[in-house]
Each structure stands twice: as structure tokens, then as C-alpha cells.
Amino acid sequence: MAISRRTFLGQTAAALSAQSRKGRLVIDTHLEVWTIDPRFPFHHPEHPEAKPTMDATIDDQVADMREFDIRYTVLVNPRYYGWDNSYISYSLHRYPKLFVAHGLINPEDPKVADNLRYWVKEHGFQGMRFSPIYHPKSTWLNDKGQYPLWREAEKLGAVFNYYILPHQMPMLEEMAGRFPGVKIVVDHLGKPDLKSPDPWPEFRKMFRLKRFPQVWISASEPYELSLTKQFPYRDTYPFFKAVYEEFGGKQLIWGTGYPRPRWELPLDKELEFVDSVLDFYTAADRELLLGRNALRIWKFPKDAPDRFTPQSGKR
């Protein structure tokens, strides 16, 4: 059957992209895993009734890493578990040579700094994720009550990643200026609202963060941003390009979201989106955002030939 020139070129580009990926450093900086195993109960803080019906386990991600030559992954506790990071801790210790971990802690808990210290010291976590996106009118992010948390993060060398709305960026900007020792990752391109008649004035508030060398933007999850929900998500293209032009390759990182079978976008398409669809990236900057920048943020385990061998789990 004859194929169109466009289809042929697309298939050729994808094949070349896959070939060029072999042997390069690729790090998935945002991966949420969970299990419906009752040993790890769900406690969604905003929606207690929200419980997944399908597993997205750590072993699914290990299989992905084998197949697609992903060197390391940053595990992030999903909202389903609330402030209980037990399954992420279990996963981290089951495959200690593949992962680093971020948990969730309640930012409004008076003992939030103690909780950070506990998960870092006792479980080996390297950071925490906070989600002011769930509280669009809240101002806790830059409240003085958060200062002890950030001071503790500076002492521990912890990384904070933020799932945040564009209008909340000035609060994060204030904290980045006040606590330069805390590395910050802004999740999912800063969540521009493509449904807005003009999302740009709010979206550009994130651009002021580029002056902080300890801030990185996760250029990820186009399927969540897109209104078309159809690969290659061309409606997101201007936003990815604007972030690249503002922050440059040195302040961008890449991540996926979920492993198979819960994929929103299969991994080959995730990588194709970066390698081929976003054709404005230089080859050198792709290497930075796909892996090398992550080495400046997290302390990954030493590479080893037995890294896929599971260890005894730890809760």
C-alpha cells in the first residue's frame, strides 16, 4: 500500500530519532507510581473518594526503563496517597540503583519542617512536591509560616517541585529569592491555560523565575495542556517554544507522568515529541533537558550492571 510523503518522512524521522537515542543519558524526572495493594491505602486529601482502579506499579516503570534505555527516574508520590509516602519509599528501596524519590507533605501542618526531615533522613528522599494548584486562592506558599520548611530544605539540600498555576508564580518567585539554597522545579510547563481567551499575560509571570539559577522548568505533559488531545499536540507548541526561548536549555528538564499501562502518552511518543516535534531544540539542549540538567538537581545512585535487580522492599 502506498504511503504519503508526509507519512514516510514522519516514519523516517521517528526511526532516526529512536536510533539516535541509544546509549545517551535519559532521565525521567517525574514519574508517579501506585498500587491497588491494600497494604498501601489511598488518602487523597481533597477527594477521599478518588481511588485508581488500575495499577501503575514500580515494576511497570522498571520494564519501561529497560526497553527505552532510561538511566534513572525521579519518583513522585501521587496525590492518591496524600501525605503517606510509603509506596514510594518501598519502590525506592526495592530498586535503589534506579530511582530517587519525592514525597508529599502537608504544607499547612505546623510540623511540616519535621516531616520533611523525617522523609529525607529516615527514608532517603531527596525532595518534596507541593501542589498549590489544588488551592487556587490560598496564600500559604509564601506565608512566613513556610520559612522554617525552606530553611530546613536548605540544610538538607532538598529539592522542591511545584504543581502550580500561573497566577501563583509571584509567590514562588518571592520564596526563590528569599531561599536561594533550595532547588526548585516547576511542573508541567507552569500549566498555561489554553482555554483562556489570552493565556499569555498570566503565563508570562513564570518567566521572571529565569533569573534564579536554582530554578528549572519541567517541559512535560503536553497531553494535559492540549485542548485537541491529539498527538503531536500542536496547540502546545508556542508555549514550549516560549519557555525554551526564555529559560534556555540549561533550565529545562523532561518527565513523563505515569508508566504503562496507565500511559497518557507511550514512551516512544514522549521521546518523539522532544526529539522531532519540538524541532526548535538544538541537539545540545536536548541532551541537557533529557538528562544532563537532572544531574545538577538530584544525587543519583552510582550506575551498576545489576541496577535492575530488585532488593528487599522497605516500608
C-alpha atoms as a PDB file:
ATOM      1  CA  MET A   1       0.000   0.000   0.000  1.00  0.00           C
ATOM      2  CA  ALA A   2       1.383   3.403  -0.972  1.00  0.00           C
ATOM      3  CA  ILE A   3       2.037   5.901   1.769  1.00  0.00           C
ATOM      4  CA  SER A   4       2.087   9.652   1.577  1.00  0.00           C
ATOM      5  CA  ARG A   5       5.309  11.638   1.535  1.00  0.00           C
ATOM      6  CA  ARG A   6       4.383  13.189   4.892  1.00  0.00           C
ATOM      7  CA  THR A   7       3.815   9.767   6.454  1.00  0.00           C
ATOM      8  CA  PHE A   8       7.083   8.475   5.029  1.00  0.00           C
ATOM      9  CA  LEU A   9       9.025  11.448   6.371  1.00  0.00           C
ATOM     10  CA  GLY A  10       7.383  11.119   9.763  1.00  0.00           C
ATOM     11  CA  GLN A  11       8.232   7.418   9.987  1.00  0.00           C
ATOM     12  CA  THR A  12      11.793   8.082   8.874  1.00  0.00           C
ATOM     13  CA  ALA A  13      12.248  10.843  11.442  1.00  0.00           C
ATOM     14  CA  ALA A  14      10.874   8.626  14.211  1.00  0.00           C
ATOM     15  CA  ALA A  15      13.216   5.776  13.230  1.00  0.00           C
ATOM     16  CA  LEU A  16      16.230   8.068  13.160  1.00  0.00           C
ATOM     17  CA  SER A  17      15.167   9.566  16.486  1.00  0.00           C
ATOM     18  CA  ALA A  18      14.955   6.114  18.080  1.00  0.00           C
ATOM     19  CA  GLN A  19      18.366   5.186  16.710  1.00  0.00           C
ATOM     20  CA  SER A  20      19.944   8.412  17.992  1.00  0.00           C
ATOM     21  CA  ARG A  21      18.569   7.750  21.497  1.00  0.00           C
ATOM     22  CA  LYS A  22      20.598   4.582  22.016  1.00  0.00           C
ATOM     23  CA  GLY A  23      23.306   4.982  24.589  1.00  0.00           C
ATOM     24  CA  ARG A  24      22.518   8.573  25.540  1.00  0.00           C
ATOM     25  CA  LEU A  25      21.695   9.762  29.031  1.00  0.00           C
ATOM     26  CA  VAL A  26      17.918   9.945  29.535  1.00  0.00           C
ATOM     27  CA  ILE A  27      16.422  10.658  32.958  1.00  0.00           C
ATOM     28  CA  ASP A  28      12.683  10.764  33.617  1.00  0.00           C
ATOM     29  CA  THR A  29      12.349  13.500  36.246  1.00  0.00           C
ATOM     30  CA  HIS A  30       8.682  12.961  37.087  1.00  0.00           C
ATOM     31  CA  LEU A  31       7.057   9.571  37.404  1.00  0.00           C
ATOM     32  CA  GLU A  32       4.098   8.700  39.644  1.00  0.00           C
ATOM     33  CA  VAL A  33       3.535   5.072  40.573  1.00  0.00           C
ATOM     34  CA  TRP A  34       0.945   3.370  42.734  1.00  0.00           C
ATOM     35  CA  THR A  35      -0.586   0.020  43.524  1.00  0.00           C
ATOM     36  CA  ILE A  36      -4.071  -1.056  44.497  1.00  0.00           C
ATOM     37  CA  ASP A  37      -2.479  -3.411  47.018  1.00  0.00           C
ATOM     38  CA  PRO A  38      -4.392  -2.741  50.287  1.00  0.00           C
ATOM     39  CA  ARG A  39      -1.095  -2.599  52.183  1.00  0.00           C
ATOM     40  CA  PHE A  40      -0.755   0.876  50.716  1.00  0.00           C
ATOM     41  CA  PRO A  41      -4.145   2.588  51.237  1.00  0.00           C
ATOM     42  CA  PHE A  42      -5.184   5.765  49.455  1.00  0.00           C
ATOM     43  CA  HIS A  43      -5.823   9.036  51.302  1.00  0.00           C
ATOM     44  CA  HIS A  44      -6.440  11.744  48.720  1.00  0.00           C
ATOM     45  CA  PRO A  45      -6.504  14.983  50.778  1.00  0.00           C
ATOM     46  CA  GLU A  46      -9.005  16.866  48.597  1.00  0.00           C
ATOM     47  CA  HIS A  47     -11.057  13.987  47.209  1.00  0.00           C
ATOM     48  CA  PRO A  48     -11.074  10.982  49.571  1.00  0.00           C
ATOM     49  CA  GLU A  49     -13.275   9.100  47.133  1.00  0.00           C
ATOM     50  CA  ALA A  50     -10.627   9.326  44.372  1.00  0.00           C
ATOM     51  CA  LYS A  51      -9.055   5.903  44.034  1.00  0.00           C
ATOM     52  CA  PRO A  52      -7.474   4.423  40.922  1.00  0.00           C
ATOM     53  CA  THR A  53      -8.828   1.142  39.654  1.00  0.00           C
ATOM     54  CA  MET A  54      -5.723   0.224  37.663  1.00  0.00           C
ATOM     55  CA  ASP A  55      -2.226  -0.453  38.924  1.00  0.00           C
ATOM     56  CA  ALA A  56       0.702   1.656  37.736  1.00  0.00           C
ATOM     57  CA  THR A  57       3.425  -0.113  39.645  1.00  0.00           C
ATOM     58  CA  ILE A  58       7.125   0.341  40.129  1.00  0.00           C
ATOM     59  CA  ASP A  59       7.747  -2.841  38.161  1.00  0.00           C
ATOM     60  CA  ASP A  60       5.937  -1.340  35.163  1.00  0.00           C
ATOM     61  CA  GLN A  61       8.386   1.556  35.238  1.00  0.00           C
ATOM     62  CA  VAL A  62      11.375  -0.763  35.538  1.00  0.00           C
ATOM     63  CA  ALA A  63      10.172  -2.525  32.386  1.00  0.00           C
ATOM     64  CA  ASP A  64       9.892   0.846  30.616  1.00  0.00           C
ATOM     65  CA  MET A  65      13.386   1.797  31.704  1.00  0.00           C
ATOM     66  CA  ARG A  66      14.801  -1.433  30.330  1.00  0.00           C
ATOM     67  CA  GLU A  67      13.030  -1.109  26.992  1.00  0.00           C
ATOM     68  CA  PHE A  68      13.706   2.577  26.354  1.00  0.00           C
ATOM     69  CA  ASP A  69      17.131   2.864  27.975  1.00  0.00           C
ATOM     70  CA  ILE A  70      16.034   5.284  30.719  1.00  0.00           C
ATOM     71  CA  ARG A  71      19.008   5.590  33.077  1.00  0.00           C
ATOM     72  CA  TYR A  72      17.277   6.983  36.165  1.00  0.00           C
ATOM     73  CA  THR A  73      13.826   8.134  37.267  1.00  0.00           C
ATOM     74  CA  VAL A  74      12.603  10.590  39.886  1.00  0.00           C
ATOM     75  CA  LEU A  75       9.616   9.030  41.642  1.00  0.00           C
ATOM     76  CA  VAL A  76       6.917  11.429  42.832  1.00  0.00           C
ATOM     77  CA  ASN A  77       4.212  10.361  45.248  1.00  0.00           C
ATOM     78  CA  PRO A  78       0.797  10.681  43.575  1.00  0.00           C
ATOM     79  CA  ARG A  79      -1.966  12.682  45.204  1.00  0.00           C
ATOM     80  CA  TYR A  80      -3.930   9.477  45.786  1.00  0.00           C
ATOM     81  CA  TYR A  81      -1.741   8.648  48.793  1.00  0.00           C
ATOM     82  CA  GLY A  82      -1.952  12.064  50.398  1.00  0.00           C
ATOM     83  CA  TRP A  83       0.820  12.535  52.956  1.00  0.00           C
ATOM     84  CA  ASP A  84       1.635   8.827  53.180  1.00  0.00           C
ATOM     85  CA  ASN A  85       4.741   8.187  51.076  1.00  0.00           C
ATOM     86  CA  SER A  86       5.074   4.508  51.978  1.00  0.00           C
ATOM     87  CA  TYR A  87       4.726   3.063  48.484  1.00  0.00           C
ATOM     88  CA  ILE A  88       7.286   5.474  47.062  1.00  0.00           C
ATOM     89  CA  SER A  89       9.668   4.547  49.882  1.00  0.00           C
ATOM     90  CA  TYR A  90       9.057   0.861  49.169  1.00  0.00           C
ATOM     91  CA  SER A  91       9.749   1.423  45.473  1.00  0.00           C
ATOM     92  CA  LEU A  92      12.896   3.438  46.124  1.00  0.00           C
ATOM     93  CA  HIS A  93      14.381   0.718  48.324  1.00  0.00           C
ATOM     94  CA  ARG A  94      13.302  -2.118  46.052  1.00  0.00           C
ATOM     95  CA  TYR A  95      15.324  -0.632  43.177  1.00  0.00           C
ATOM     96  CA  PRO A  96      17.839   1.664  44.895  1.00  0.00           C
ATOM     97  CA  LYS A  97      20.116   1.948  41.850  1.00  0.00           C
ATOM     98  CA  LEU A  98      17.392   3.267  39.530  1.00  0.00           C
ATOM     99  CA  PHE A  99      15.465   5.888  41.485  1.00  0.00           C
ATOM    100  CA  VAL A 100      15.418   8.966  43.652  1.00  0.00           C
ATOM    101  CA  ALA A 101      12.206   9.974  45.389  1.00  0.00           C
ATOM    102  CA  HIS A 102       9.970  12.941  46.167  1.00  0.00           C
ATOM    103  CA  GLY A 103       7.106  12.671  48.601  1.00  0.00           C
ATOM    104  CA  LEU A 104       4.139  14.775  49.615  1.00  0.00           C
ATOM    105  CA  ILE A 105       3.814  16.537  52.946  1.00  0.00           C
ATOM    106  CA  ASN A 106       1.067  18.831  54.158  1.00  0.00           C
ATOM    107  CA  PRO A 107       2.410  22.393  53.754  1.00  0.00           C
ATOM    108  CA  GLU A 108      -0.035  23.687  56.363  1.00  0.00           C
ATOM    109  CA  ASP A 109       0.971  21.200  59.049  1.00  0.00           C
ATOM    110  CA  PRO A 110       2.776  23.069  61.881  1.00  0.00           C
ATOM    111  CA  LYS A 111       5.322  20.221  61.871  1.00  0.00           C
ATOM    112  CA  VAL A 112       5.953  20.383  58.113  1.00  0.00           C
ATOM    113  CA  ALA A 113       9.705  21.022  58.556  1.00  0.00           C
ATOM    114  CA  ASP A 114       9.953  17.999  60.876  1.00  0.00           C
ATOM    115  CA  ASN A 115       8.067  15.912  58.327  1.00  0.00           C
ATOM    116  CA  LEU A 116      10.491  16.926  55.600  1.00  0.00           C
ATOM    117  CA  ARG A 117      13.423  15.925  57.790  1.00  0.00           C
ATOM    118  CA  TYR A 118      11.801  12.560  58.567  1.00  0.00           C
ATOM    119  CA  TRP A 119      11.314  11.522  54.946  1.00  0.00           C
ATOM    120  CA  VAL A 120      14.769  12.712  53.937  1.00  0.00           C
ATOM    121  CA  LYS A 121      16.685  11.275  56.883  1.00  0.00           C
ATOM    122  CA  GLU A 122      14.709   8.096  57.574  1.00  0.00           C
ATOM    123  CA  HIS A 123      13.646   7.113  54.052  1.00  0.00           C
ATOM    124  CA  GLY A 124      16.290   8.643  51.821  1.00  0.00           C
ATOM    125  CA  PHE A 125      14.003  11.008  49.903  1.00  0.00           C
ATOM    126  CA  GLN A 126      15.630  13.910  48.082  1.00  0.00           C
ATOM    127  CA  GLY A 127      12.707  16.292  47.916  1.00  0.00           C
ATOM    128  CA  MET A 128       9.015  17.056  48.134  1.00  0.00           C
ATOM    129  CA  ARG A 129       6.271  18.058  45.785  1.00  0.00           C
ATOM    130  CA  PHE A 130       3.783  20.785  46.697  1.00  0.00           C
ATOM    131  CA  SER A 131       0.559  21.433  44.824  1.00  0.00           C
ATOM    132  CA  PRO A 132      -0.867  24.927  45.307  1.00  0.00           C
ATOM    133  CA  ILE A 133      -2.816  24.252  42.103  1.00  0.00           C
ATOM    134  CA  TYR A 134      -5.372  22.480  44.313  1.00  0.00           C
ATOM    135  CA  HIS A 135      -5.819  25.646  46.386  1.00  0.00           C
ATOM    136  CA  PRO A 136      -6.001  28.466  43.830  1.00  0.00           C
ATOM    137  CA  LYS A 137      -6.983  31.124  46.379  1.00  0.00           C
ATOM    138  CA  SER A 138      -4.588  30.089  49.108  1.00  0.00           C
ATOM    139  CA  THR A 139      -1.525  32.129  50.054  1.00  0.00           C
ATOM    140  CA  TRP A 140       0.306  29.552  52.142  1.00  0.00           C
ATOM    141  CA  LEU A 141       3.112  29.230  49.599  1.00  0.00           C
ATOM    142  CA  ASN A 142       4.957  32.389  50.677  1.00  0.00           C
ATOM    143  CA  ASP A 143       3.500  32.727  54.155  1.00  0.00           C
ATOM    144  CA  LYS A 144       6.043  33.313  56.921  1.00  0.00           C
ATOM    145  CA  GLY A 145       4.932  30.019  58.410  1.00  0.00           C
ATOM    146  CA  GLN A 146       6.698  28.328  55.490  1.00  0.00           C
ATOM    147  CA  TYR A 147      10.090  29.851  56.308  1.00  0.00           C
ATOM    148  CA  PRO A 148      11.164  27.036  58.704  1.00  0.00           C
ATOM    149  CA  LEU A 149      10.353  24.491  55.975  1.00  0.00           C
ATOM    150  CA  TRP A 150      12.520  26.272  53.436  1.00  0.00           C
ATOM    151  CA  ARG A 151      15.355  26.778  55.930  1.00  0.00           C
ATOM    152  CA  GLU A 152      15.279  23.066  56.679  1.00  0.00           C
ATOM    153  CA  ALA A 153      15.311  22.299  52.948  1.00  0.00           C
ATOM    154  CA  GLU A 154      18.445  24.416  52.571  1.00  0.00           C
ATOM    155  CA  LYS A 155      20.140  22.464  55.373  1.00  0.00           C
ATOM    156  CA  LEU A 156      19.138  19.119  53.905  1.00  0.00           C
ATOM    157  CA  GLY A 157      19.807  20.008  50.263  1.00  0.00           C
ATOM    158  CA  ALA A 158      16.213  19.086  49.457  1.00  0.00           C
ATOM    159  CA  VAL A 159      14.549  19.785  46.109  1.00  0.00           C
ATOM    160  CA  PHE A 160      11.027  21.209  45.887  1.00  0.00           C
ATOM    161  CA  ASN A 161       8.843  20.747  42.865  1.00  0.00           C
ATOM    162  CA  TYR A 162       5.663  22.775  42.448  1.00  0.00           C
ATOM    163  CA  TYR A 163       2.442  21.916  40.687  1.00  0.00           C
ATOM    164  CA  ILE A 164       1.299  25.481  40.396  1.00  0.00           C
ATOM    165  CA  LEU A 165      -0.957  27.849  38.478  1.00  0.00           C
ATOM    166  CA  PRO A 166       0.393  30.851  36.542  1.00  0.00           C
ATOM    167  CA  HIS A 167      -1.168  33.439  38.861  1.00  0.00           C
ATOM    168  CA  GLN A 168       0.614  31.826  41.835  1.00  0.00           C
ATOM    169  CA  MET A 169       4.093  32.295  40.350  1.00  0.00           C
ATOM    170  CA  PRO A 170       4.849  35.601  42.146  1.00  0.00           C
ATOM    171  CA  MET A 171       4.611  33.776  45.496  1.00  0.00           C
ATOM    172  CA  LEU A 172       7.121  31.199  44.305  1.00  0.00           C
ATOM    173  CA  GLU A 173       9.322  33.971  42.929  1.00  0.00           C
ATOM    174  CA  GLU A 174       9.431  35.573  46.370  1.00  0.00           C
ATOM    175  CA  MET A 175      10.483  32.329  48.053  1.00  0.00           C
ATOM    176  CA  ALA A 176      13.115  31.576  45.405  1.00  0.00           C
ATOM    177  CA  GLY A 177      14.665  34.961  46.116  1.00  0.00           C
ATOM    178  CA  ARG A 178      14.483  34.504  49.875  1.00  0.00           C
ATOM    179  CA  PHE A 179      15.873  30.939  49.954  1.00  0.00           C
ATOM    180  CA  PRO A 180      18.393  30.562  47.108  1.00  0.00           C
ATOM    181  CA  GLY A 181      19.724  27.319  48.556  1.00  0.00           C
ATOM    182  CA  VAL A 182      16.571  25.388  47.665  1.00  0.00           C
ATOM    183  CA  LYS A 183      16.457  23.876  44.193  1.00  0.00           C
ATOM    184  CA  ILE A 184      13.029  24.335  42.587  1.00  0.00           C
ATOM    185  CA  VAL A 185      11.302  22.526  39.739  1.00  0.00           C
ATOM    186  CA  VAL A 186       8.138  23.991  38.217  1.00  0.00           C
ATOM    187  CA  ASP A 187       5.982  21.132  36.991  1.00  0.00           C
ATOM    188  CA  HIS A 188       4.426  20.710  33.567  1.00  0.00           C
ATOM    189  CA  LEU A 189       5.473  23.960  31.884  1.00  0.00           C
ATOM    190  CA  GLY A 190       3.774  26.044  34.575  1.00  0.00           C
ATOM    191  CA  LYS A 191       0.286  24.957  33.442  1.00  0.00           C
ATOM    192  CA  PRO A 192      -0.655  27.617  30.870  1.00  0.00           C
ATOM    193  CA  ASP A 193      -4.422  27.758  30.496  1.00  0.00           C
ATOM    194  CA  LEU A 194      -5.078  27.146  26.811  1.00  0.00           C
ATOM    195  CA  LYS A 195      -8.816  27.564  27.422  1.00  0.00           C
ATOM    196  CA  SER A 196      -8.312  31.199  28.337  1.00  0.00           C
ATOM    197  CA  PRO A 197      -9.009  33.755  25.560  1.00  0.00           C
ATOM    198  CA  ASP A 198      -5.492  35.089  26.206  1.00  0.00           C
ATOM    199  CA  PRO A 199      -3.352  32.888  28.476  1.00  0.00           C
ATOM    200  CA  TRP A 200      -0.140  34.815  27.858  1.00  0.00           C
ATOM    201  CA  PRO A 201      -0.284  37.636  30.452  1.00  0.00           C
ATOM    202  CA  GLU A 202      -0.672  35.138  33.280  1.00  0.00           C
ATOM    203  CA  PHE A 203       1.704  32.599  31.741  1.00  0.00           C
ATOM    204  CA  ARG A 204       4.499  35.151  31.403  1.00  0.00           C
ATOM    205  CA  LYS A 205       4.578  35.606  35.177  1.00  0.00           C
ATOM    206  CA  MET A 206       6.637  32.412  35.286  1.00  0.00           C
ATOM    207  CA  PHE A 207       9.306  33.971  33.078  1.00  0.00           C
ATOM    208  CA  ARG A 208      10.540  36.096  35.985  1.00  0.00           C
ATOM    209  CA  LEU A 209      11.878  32.898  37.551  1.00  0.00           C
ATOM    210  CA  LYS A 210      14.565  32.640  34.884  1.00  0.00           C
ATOM    211  CA  ARG A 211      16.841  34.929  36.898  1.00  0.00           C
ATOM    212  CA  PHE A 212      17.235  32.204  39.541  1.00  0.00           C
ATOM    213  CA  PRO A 213      19.850  29.592  38.603  1.00  0.00           C
ATOM    214  CA  GLN A 214      18.308  27.173  41.122  1.00  0.00           C
ATOM    215  CA  VAL A 215      15.012  27.011  39.197  1.00  0.00           C
ATOM    216  CA  TRP A 216      14.194  24.565  36.412  1.00  0.00           C
ATOM    217  CA  ILE A 217      11.031  24.214  34.315  1.00  0.00           C
ATOM    218  CA  SER A 218       9.715  20.744  33.538  1.00  0.00           C
ATOM    219  CA  ALA A 219       8.896  20.802  29.819  1.00  0.00           C
ATOM    220  CA  SER A 220       6.445  17.944  30.127  1.00  0.00           C
ATOM    221  CA  GLU A 221       2.904  16.583  29.774  1.00  0.00           C
ATOM    222  CA  PRO A 222       1.751  18.197  26.517  1.00  0.00           C
ATOM    223  CA  TYR A 223      -1.275  15.894  26.560  1.00  0.00           C
ATOM    224  CA  GLU A 224      -2.525  17.562  29.754  1.00  0.00           C
ATOM    225  CA  LEU A 225      -2.099  21.077  28.357  1.00  0.00           C
ATOM    226  CA  SER A 226      -3.510  20.401  24.907  1.00  0.00           C
ATOM    227  CA  LEU A 227      -7.102  21.112  24.010  1.00  0.00           C
ATOM    228  CA  THR A 228      -7.002  18.836  20.978  1.00  0.00           C
ATOM    229  CA  LYS A 229      -5.694  15.846  22.950  1.00  0.00           C
ATOM    230  CA  GLN A 230      -4.247  14.606  19.686  1.00  0.00           C
ATOM    231  CA  PHE A 231      -0.563  13.882  19.144  1.00  0.00           C
ATOM    232  CA  PRO A 232       1.574  15.856  18.284  1.00  0.00           C
ATOM    233  CA  TYR A 233      -0.343  18.487  20.341  1.00  0.00           C
ATOM    234  CA  ARG A 234       0.454  21.375  18.038  1.00  0.00           C
ATOM    235  CA  ASP A 235      -1.602  23.791  20.129  1.00  0.00           C
ATOM    236  CA  THR A 236       1.011  23.479  22.909  1.00  0.00           C
ATOM    237  CA  TYR A 237       3.940  24.197  20.576  1.00  0.00           C
ATOM    238  CA  PRO A 238       4.048  28.020  21.117  1.00  0.00           C
ATOM    239  CA  PHE A 239       4.194  27.573  24.895  1.00  0.00           C
ATOM    240  CA  PHE A 240       7.035  25.061  24.810  1.00  0.00           C
ATOM    241  CA  LYS A 241       8.901  27.318  22.401  1.00  0.00           C
ATOM    242  CA  ALA A 242       8.385  30.429  24.537  1.00  0.00           C
ATOM    243  CA  VAL A 243       9.685  28.664  27.643  1.00  0.00           C
ATOM    244  CA  TYR A 244      12.733  27.471  25.724  1.00  0.00           C
ATOM    245  CA  GLU A 245      13.425  30.954  24.398  1.00  0.00           C
ATOM    246  CA  GLU A 246      13.094  32.483  27.862  1.00  0.00           C
ATOM    247  CA  PHE A 247      14.891  29.928  30.015  1.00  0.00           C
ATOM    248  CA  GLY A 248      17.245  28.289  27.534  1.00  0.00           C
ATOM    249  CA  GLY A 249      18.297  24.665  27.530  1.00  0.00           C
ATOM    250  CA  LYS A 250      20.120  24.852  30.865  1.00  0.00           C
ATOM    251  CA  GLN A 251      16.943  25.419  32.882  1.00  0.00           C
ATOM    252  CA  LEU A 252      14.674  22.796  31.314  1.00  0.00           C
ATOM    253  CA  ILE A 253      14.108  19.170  32.260  1.00  0.00           C
ATOM    254  CA  TRP A 254      11.883  16.375  30.955  1.00  0.00           C
ATOM    255  CA  GLY A 255       9.500  13.925  32.575  1.00  0.00           C
ATOM    256  CA  THR A 256       6.592  11.675  31.693  1.00  0.00           C
ATOM    257  CA  GLY A 257       3.934  11.155  34.348  1.00  0.00           C
ATOM    258  CA  TYR A 258       2.849   7.537  34.561  1.00  0.00           C
ATOM    259  CA  PRO A 259       4.221   4.174  33.432  1.00  0.00           C
ATOM    260  CA  ARG A 260       2.367   1.693  31.306  1.00  0.00           C
ATOM    261  CA  PRO A 261      -0.364   0.548  31.342  1.00  0.00           C
ATOM    262  CA  ARG A 262      -1.533   3.934  32.679  1.00  0.00           C
ATOM    263  CA  TRP A 263       0.365   5.792  29.930  1.00  0.00           C
ATOM    264  CA  GLU A 264      -1.223   9.038  28.803  1.00  0.00           C
ATOM    265  CA  LEU A 265       1.408   9.047  26.067  1.00  0.00           C
ATOM    266  CA  PRO A 266       3.529   5.960  25.318  1.00  0.00           C
ATOM    267  CA  LEU A 267       7.219   6.455  25.948  1.00  0.00           C
ATOM    268  CA  ASP A 268       8.236   6.245  22.316  1.00  0.00           C
ATOM    269  CA  LYS A 269       5.865   9.149  21.611  1.00  0.00           C
ATOM    270  CA  GLU A 270       7.079  11.052  24.673  1.00  0.00           C
ATOM    271  CA  LEU A 271      10.611  10.922  23.281  1.00  0.00           C
ATOM    272  CA  GLU A 272       9.477  11.622  19.743  1.00  0.00           C
ATOM    273  CA  PHE A 273       7.759  14.784  20.992  1.00  0.00           C
ATOM    274  CA  VAL A 274      11.084  16.067  22.328  1.00  0.00           C
ATOM    275  CA  ASP A 275      13.295  14.736  19.537  1.00  0.00           C
ATOM    276  CA  SER A 276      11.176  15.545  16.489  1.00  0.00           C
ATOM    277  CA  VAL A 277       8.021  17.537  17.216  1.00  0.00           C
ATOM    278  CA  LEU A 278       9.766  20.287  19.184  1.00  0.00           C
ATOM    279  CA  ASP A 279      12.201  20.857  16.352  1.00  0.00           C
ATOM    280  CA  PHE A 280      13.449  24.193  17.710  1.00  0.00           C
ATOM    281  CA  TYR A 281      15.604  22.491  20.380  1.00  0.00           C
ATOM    282  CA  THR A 282      19.264  22.247  19.443  1.00  0.00           C
ATOM    283  CA  ALA A 283      20.856  18.817  19.726  1.00  0.00           C
ATOM    284  CA  ALA A 284      22.984  20.037  22.634  1.00  0.00           C
ATOM    285  CA  ASP A 285      19.967  21.414  24.503  1.00  0.00           C
ATOM    286  CA  ARG A 286      18.043  18.169  24.014  1.00  0.00           C
ATOM    287  CA  GLU A 287      20.863  16.363  25.787  1.00  0.00           C
ATOM    288  CA  LEU A 288      20.592  18.850  28.646  1.00  0.00           C
ATOM    289  CA  LEU A 289      16.838  18.674  29.149  1.00  0.00           C
ATOM    290  CA  LEU A 290      16.588  14.912  28.630  1.00  0.00           C
ATOM    291  CA  GLY A 291      19.190  14.071  31.225  1.00  0.00           C
ATOM    292  CA  ARG A 292      22.223  16.196  31.928  1.00  0.00           C
ATOM    293  CA  ASN A 293      20.398  19.000  33.716  1.00  0.00           C
ATOM    294  CA  ALA A 294      18.914  16.463  36.128  1.00  0.00           C
ATOM    295  CA  LEU A 295      22.429  15.594  37.278  1.00  0.00           C
ATOM    296  CA  ARG A 296      22.696  19.149  38.630  1.00  0.00           C
ATOM    297  CA  ILE A 297      19.484  18.808  40.637  1.00  0.00           C
ATOM    298  CA  TRP A 298      19.483  15.321  42.187  1.00  0.00           C
ATOM    299  CA  LYS A 299      22.089  12.909  43.518  1.00  0.00           C
ATOM    300  CA  PHE A 300      21.558   9.743  41.538  1.00  0.00           C
ATOM    301  CA  PRO A 301      22.935   6.364  42.582  1.00  0.00           C
ATOM    302  CA  LYS A 302      26.121   5.096  41.047  1.00  0.00           C
ATOM    303  CA  ASP A 303      25.456   3.255  37.812  1.00  0.00           C
ATOM    304  CA  ALA A 304      25.853  -0.503  38.138  1.00  0.00           C
ATOM    305  CA  PRO A 305      25.306  -3.570  35.928  1.00  0.00           C
ATOM    306  CA  ASP A 306      22.849  -5.055  38.437  1.00  0.00           C
ATOM    307  CA  ARG A 307      20.737  -1.940  38.736  1.00  0.00           C
ATOM    308  CA  PHE A 308      17.578  -3.739  37.560  1.00  0.00           C
ATOM    309  CA  THR A 309      17.900  -6.388  40.271  1.00  0.00           C
ATOM    310  CA  PRO A 310      15.238  -5.875  42.958  1.00  0.00           C
ATOM    311  CA  GLN A 311      16.224  -5.607  46.604  1.00  0.00           C
ATOM    312  CA  SER A 312      14.069  -6.420  49.591  1.00  0.00           C
ATOM    313  CA  GLY A 313      11.323  -3.809  49.906  1.00  0.00           C
ATOM    314  CA  LYS A 314      11.169  -1.388  52.828  1.00  0.00           C
ATOM    315  CA  ARG A 315       8.105   0.469  54.040  1.00  0.00           C
END
